[in-house]
Each structure stands twice: as C-alpha cells, then as structure tokens.
C-alpha cells in the first residue's frame, strides 16, 4: 500500500513537471514570436481575450434576464 502511494506521488510530480515545462515552452515561443518581434498582436490578444472573458462572465446574468423577459411575455405582465 505504501509503495502504491509512493508511486502515485512520484507520478503526480512527473505530470506536474511536464505541465510546467510545456507551459514554460509555450510562453517562451509566444515571447519570441510576438514580443521580441515588436508585433502589435499581443495587444489584440489582450483586447479580444478581455472581451471574451467579460462575455462569459456576464452570460449567466444575461440568460436569467432573457428567461425573465420570456416569462413576462408569456404571462402578459409588464417588464419594469
């Protein structure tokens, strides 16, 4: 049992190391491709990423609001 726990711990550490290594390589490639080349693309990535993030954050509220409007239309009530 202790051997299995040790094996799982080592395997978990190895996966964590691989994920960290892959993420570091991706960041290094991004910096080399866009930042060091002085391209405006990172600005666009931040702007569009921010818009997508804000849309996803607001989506549950918008869906609830739409459901409320549909309920009001169905029951004949007025929306305030």
N, C-alpha and C. Protein backbone atom coordinates (compact mmCIF):
# COMPACT_ATOMS: atom_id res chain seq x y z
N UNK A 1 0.82 -1.19 0.00
CA UNK A 1 0.00 0.00 0.00
C UNK A 1 0.86 1.25 0.00
N UNK A 2 1.92 1.25 0.82
CA UNK A 2 2.81 2.41 0.88
C UNK A 2 3.56 2.57 -0.44
N UNK A 3 3.89 1.46 -1.07
CA UNK A 3 4.59 1.52 -2.35
C UNK A 3 3.70 2.14 -3.42
N UNK A 4 2.42 1.78 -3.40
CA UNK A 4 1.47 2.34 -4.37
C UNK A 4 1.30 3.85 -4.15
N UNK A 5 1.22 4.27 -2.89
CA UNK A 5 1.10 5.69 -2.58
C UNK A 5 2.35 6.44 -3.04
N UNK A 6 3.52 5.84 -2.83
CA UNK A 6 4.77 6.46 -3.28
C UNK A 6 4.78 6.58 -4.80
N UNK A 7 4.37 5.52 -5.49
CA UNK A 7 4.33 5.54 -6.95
C UNK A 7 3.38 6.63 -7.46
N UNK A 8 2.19 6.72 -6.85
CA UNK A 8 1.24 7.75 -7.27
C UNK A 8 1.78 9.16 -7.02
N UNK A 9 2.48 9.34 -5.92
CA UNK A 9 3.06 10.65 -5.61
C UNK A 9 4.13 11.02 -6.64
N UNK A 10 4.98 10.07 -6.97
CA UNK A 10 6.04 10.33 -7.96
C UNK A 10 5.42 10.60 -9.33
N UNK A 11 4.41 9.83 -9.69
CA UNK A 11 3.75 10.03 -10.98
C UNK A 11 3.08 11.40 -11.04
N UNK A 12 2.46 11.82 -9.94
CA UNK A 12 1.84 13.14 -9.88
C UNK A 12 2.86 14.25 -10.02
N UNK A 13 4.03 14.08 -9.41
CA UNK A 13 5.08 15.08 -9.53
C UNK A 13 5.58 15.15 -10.96
N UNK A 14 5.67 14.00 -11.63
CA UNK A 14 6.15 13.96 -13.01
C UNK A 14 5.17 14.68 -13.93
N UNK A 15 3.88 14.46 -13.74
CA UNK A 15 2.87 15.13 -14.55
C UNK A 15 2.94 16.64 -14.34
N UNK A 16 3.08 17.05 -13.07
CA UNK A 16 3.18 18.47 -12.75
C UNK A 16 4.40 19.09 -13.44
N UNK A 17 5.51 18.37 -13.42
CA UNK A 17 6.73 18.86 -14.07
C UNK A 17 6.53 19.00 -15.57
N UNK A 18 5.87 18.02 -16.19
CA UNK A 18 5.64 18.07 -17.63
C UNK A 18 4.73 19.23 -18.01
N UNK A 19 3.70 19.48 -17.22
CA UNK A 19 2.79 20.59 -17.50
C UNK A 19 3.53 21.91 -17.37
N UNK A 20 4.32 22.04 -16.32
CA UNK A 20 5.09 23.28 -16.12
C UNK A 20 6.08 23.49 -17.25
N UNK A 21 6.75 22.42 -17.67
CA UNK A 21 7.72 22.52 -18.75
C UNK A 21 7.03 22.93 -20.06
N UNK A 22 5.89 22.34 -20.36
CA UNK A 22 5.16 22.67 -21.58
C UNK A 22 4.66 24.11 -21.56
N UNK A 23 4.16 24.55 -20.41
CA UNK A 23 3.68 25.93 -20.30
C UNK A 23 4.83 26.92 -20.46
N UNK A 24 5.97 26.62 -19.85
CA UNK A 24 7.14 27.50 -20.00
C UNK A 24 7.59 27.58 -21.45
N UNK A 25 7.59 26.45 -22.15
CA UNK A 25 7.98 26.45 -23.55
C UNK A 25 7.00 27.26 -24.39
N UNK A 26 5.71 27.13 -24.11
CA UNK A 26 4.71 27.89 -24.86
C UNK A 26 4.88 29.39 -24.63
N UNK A 27 5.13 29.79 -23.40
CA UNK A 27 5.34 31.21 -23.10
C UNK A 27 6.61 31.70 -23.80
N UNK A 28 7.66 30.91 -23.77
CA UNK A 28 8.89 31.31 -24.45
C UNK A 28 8.68 31.48 -25.95
N UNK A 29 7.95 30.55 -26.57
CA UNK A 29 7.66 30.67 -28.00
C UNK A 29 6.82 31.91 -28.29
N UNK A 30 5.84 32.20 -27.44
CA UNK A 30 4.99 33.38 -27.63
C UNK A 30 5.83 34.65 -27.53
N UNK A 31 6.68 34.72 -26.53
CA UNK A 31 7.53 35.90 -26.36
C UNK A 31 8.45 36.08 -27.57
N UNK A 32 9.03 34.99 -28.02
CA UNK A 32 9.92 35.07 -29.18
C UNK A 32 9.16 35.48 -30.44
N UNK A 33 7.97 34.95 -30.63
CA UNK A 33 7.22 35.20 -31.86
C UNK A 33 6.61 36.60 -31.89
N UNK A 34 6.10 37.10 -30.77
CA UNK A 34 5.36 38.36 -30.79
C UNK A 34 6.07 39.50 -30.07
N UNK A 35 6.55 39.26 -28.87
CA UNK A 35 7.10 40.35 -28.06
C UNK A 35 8.44 40.82 -28.63
N UNK A 36 9.35 39.90 -28.86
CA UNK A 36 10.66 40.28 -29.37
C UNK A 36 10.60 40.80 -30.80
N UNK A 37 9.57 40.42 -31.55
CA UNK A 37 9.41 40.89 -32.93
C UNK A 37 8.70 42.23 -32.98
N UNK A 38 8.30 42.78 -31.84
CA UNK A 38 7.61 44.07 -31.75
C UNK A 38 6.34 44.12 -32.60
N UNK A 39 5.59 43.05 -32.57
CA UNK A 39 4.32 43.00 -33.29
C UNK A 39 3.20 43.51 -32.40
N UNK A 40 2.13 44.06 -32.99
CA UNK A 40 1.01 44.55 -32.18
C UNK A 40 0.04 43.44 -31.75
N UNK A 41 0.27 42.23 -32.16
CA UNK A 41 -0.65 41.13 -31.87
C UNK A 41 -0.94 40.92 -30.39
N UNK A 42 0.04 41.03 -29.48
CA UNK A 42 -0.29 40.83 -28.06
C UNK A 42 -1.36 41.79 -27.56
N UNK A 43 -1.37 43.01 -28.06
CA UNK A 43 -2.41 43.97 -27.68
C UNK A 43 -3.78 43.47 -28.13
N UNK A 44 -3.84 42.95 -29.35
CA UNK A 44 -5.11 42.41 -29.85
C UNK A 44 -5.53 41.18 -29.04
N UNK A 45 -4.56 40.34 -28.68
CA UNK A 45 -4.88 39.15 -27.89
C UNK A 45 -5.48 39.55 -26.54
N UNK A 46 -4.91 40.58 -25.92
CA UNK A 46 -5.43 41.04 -24.62
C UNK A 46 -6.83 41.62 -24.80
N UNK A 47 -7.03 42.44 -25.83
CA UNK A 47 -8.34 43.08 -26.04
C UNK A 47 -9.42 42.04 -26.32
N UNK A 48 -9.17 41.16 -27.27
CA UNK A 48 -10.18 40.16 -27.62
C UNK A 48 -10.37 39.14 -26.50
N UNK A 49 -9.29 38.79 -25.81
CA UNK A 49 -9.41 37.89 -24.67
C UNK A 49 -10.23 38.51 -23.55
N UNK A 50 -10.03 39.80 -23.31
CA UNK A 50 -10.82 40.51 -22.30
C UNK A 50 -12.29 40.56 -22.67
N UNK A 51 -12.57 40.80 -23.95
CA UNK A 51 -13.97 40.83 -24.39
C UNK A 51 -14.61 39.46 -24.23
N UNK A 52 -13.91 38.41 -24.61
CA UNK A 52 -14.46 37.06 -24.48
C UNK A 52 -14.67 36.70 -23.01
N UNK A 53 -13.72 37.07 -22.15
CA UNK A 53 -13.86 36.78 -20.73
C UNK A 53 -15.05 37.52 -20.13
N UNK A 54 -15.20 38.80 -20.46
CA UNK A 54 -16.32 39.57 -19.90
C UNK A 54 -17.66 39.03 -20.41
N UNK A 55 -17.69 38.58 -21.67
CA UNK A 55 -18.91 37.98 -22.20
C UNK A 55 -19.27 36.71 -21.43
N UNK A 56 -18.28 35.87 -21.18
CA UNK A 56 -18.54 34.62 -20.47
C UNK A 56 -18.94 34.86 -19.02
N UNK A 57 -18.38 35.90 -18.40
CA UNK A 57 -18.75 36.21 -17.02
C UNK A 57 -20.18 36.72 -16.96
N UNK A 58 -20.59 37.53 -17.94
CA UNK A 58 -21.93 38.13 -17.94
C UNK A 58 -23.00 37.19 -18.50
N UNK A 59 -22.61 36.11 -19.13
CA UNK A 59 -23.57 35.23 -19.79
C UNK A 59 -24.64 34.67 -18.85
N UNK A 60 -24.32 34.18 -17.66
CA UNK A 60 -25.39 33.66 -16.79
C UNK A 60 -26.43 34.73 -16.44
N UNK A 61 -25.99 35.95 -16.17
CA UNK A 61 -26.93 37.02 -15.85
C UNK A 61 -27.81 37.34 -17.05
N UNK A 62 -27.23 37.39 -18.23
CA UNK A 62 -28.00 37.68 -19.44
C UNK A 62 -29.02 36.58 -19.71
N UNK A 63 -28.65 35.33 -19.49
CA UNK A 63 -29.60 34.23 -19.71
C UNK A 63 -30.76 34.31 -18.73
N UNK A 64 -30.46 34.65 -17.47
CA UNK A 64 -31.52 34.79 -16.48
C UNK A 64 -32.43 35.96 -16.83
N UNK A 65 -31.86 37.04 -17.31
CA UNK A 65 -32.65 38.20 -17.71
C UNK A 65 -33.55 37.85 -18.89
N UNK A 66 -33.02 37.12 -19.87
CA UNK A 66 -33.82 36.71 -21.02
C UNK A 66 -34.95 35.78 -20.58
N UNK A 67 -34.67 34.85 -19.68
CA UNK A 67 -35.72 33.95 -19.19
C UNK A 67 -36.80 34.74 -18.47
N UNK A 68 -36.41 35.76 -17.72
CA UNK A 68 -37.38 36.61 -17.03
C UNK A 68 -38.25 37.35 -18.04
N UNK A 69 -37.65 37.90 -19.08
CA UNK A 69 -38.42 38.60 -20.11
C UNK A 69 -39.40 37.66 -20.81
N UNK A 70 -38.94 36.46 -21.13
CA UNK A 70 -39.83 35.50 -21.79
C UNK A 70 -40.98 35.11 -20.88
N UNK A 71 -40.71 34.95 -19.60
CA UNK A 71 -41.78 34.63 -18.64
C UNK A 71 -42.79 35.76 -18.56
N UNK A 72 -42.30 37.00 -18.56
CA UNK A 72 -43.20 38.16 -18.51
C UNK A 72 -44.07 38.23 -19.76
N UNK A 73 -43.48 37.96 -20.93
CA UNK A 73 -44.25 37.98 -22.17
C UNK A 73 -45.30 36.87 -22.17
N UNK A 74 -44.93 35.72 -21.65
CA UNK A 74 -45.84 34.58 -21.66
C UNK A 74 -47.02 34.82 -20.71
N UNK A 75 -46.76 35.43 -19.57
CA UNK A 75 -47.85 35.66 -18.60
C UNK A 75 -48.57 36.98 -18.84
N UNK A 76 -48.07 37.78 -19.77
CA UNK A 76 -48.75 39.03 -20.07
C UNK A 76 -48.41 40.16 -19.14
N UNK A 77 -47.41 39.98 -18.30
CA UNK A 77 -47.02 41.03 -17.37
C UNK A 77 -46.13 42.06 -18.04
N UNK A 78 -45.90 43.15 -17.32
CA UNK A 78 -45.02 44.19 -17.85
C UNK A 78 -43.64 44.04 -17.25
N UNK A 79 -42.67 44.36 -18.07
CA UNK A 79 -41.28 44.36 -17.59
C UNK A 79 -40.98 45.73 -17.01
N UNK A 80 -40.35 45.74 -15.87
CA UNK A 80 -40.05 47.02 -15.22
C UNK A 80 -38.78 47.61 -15.71
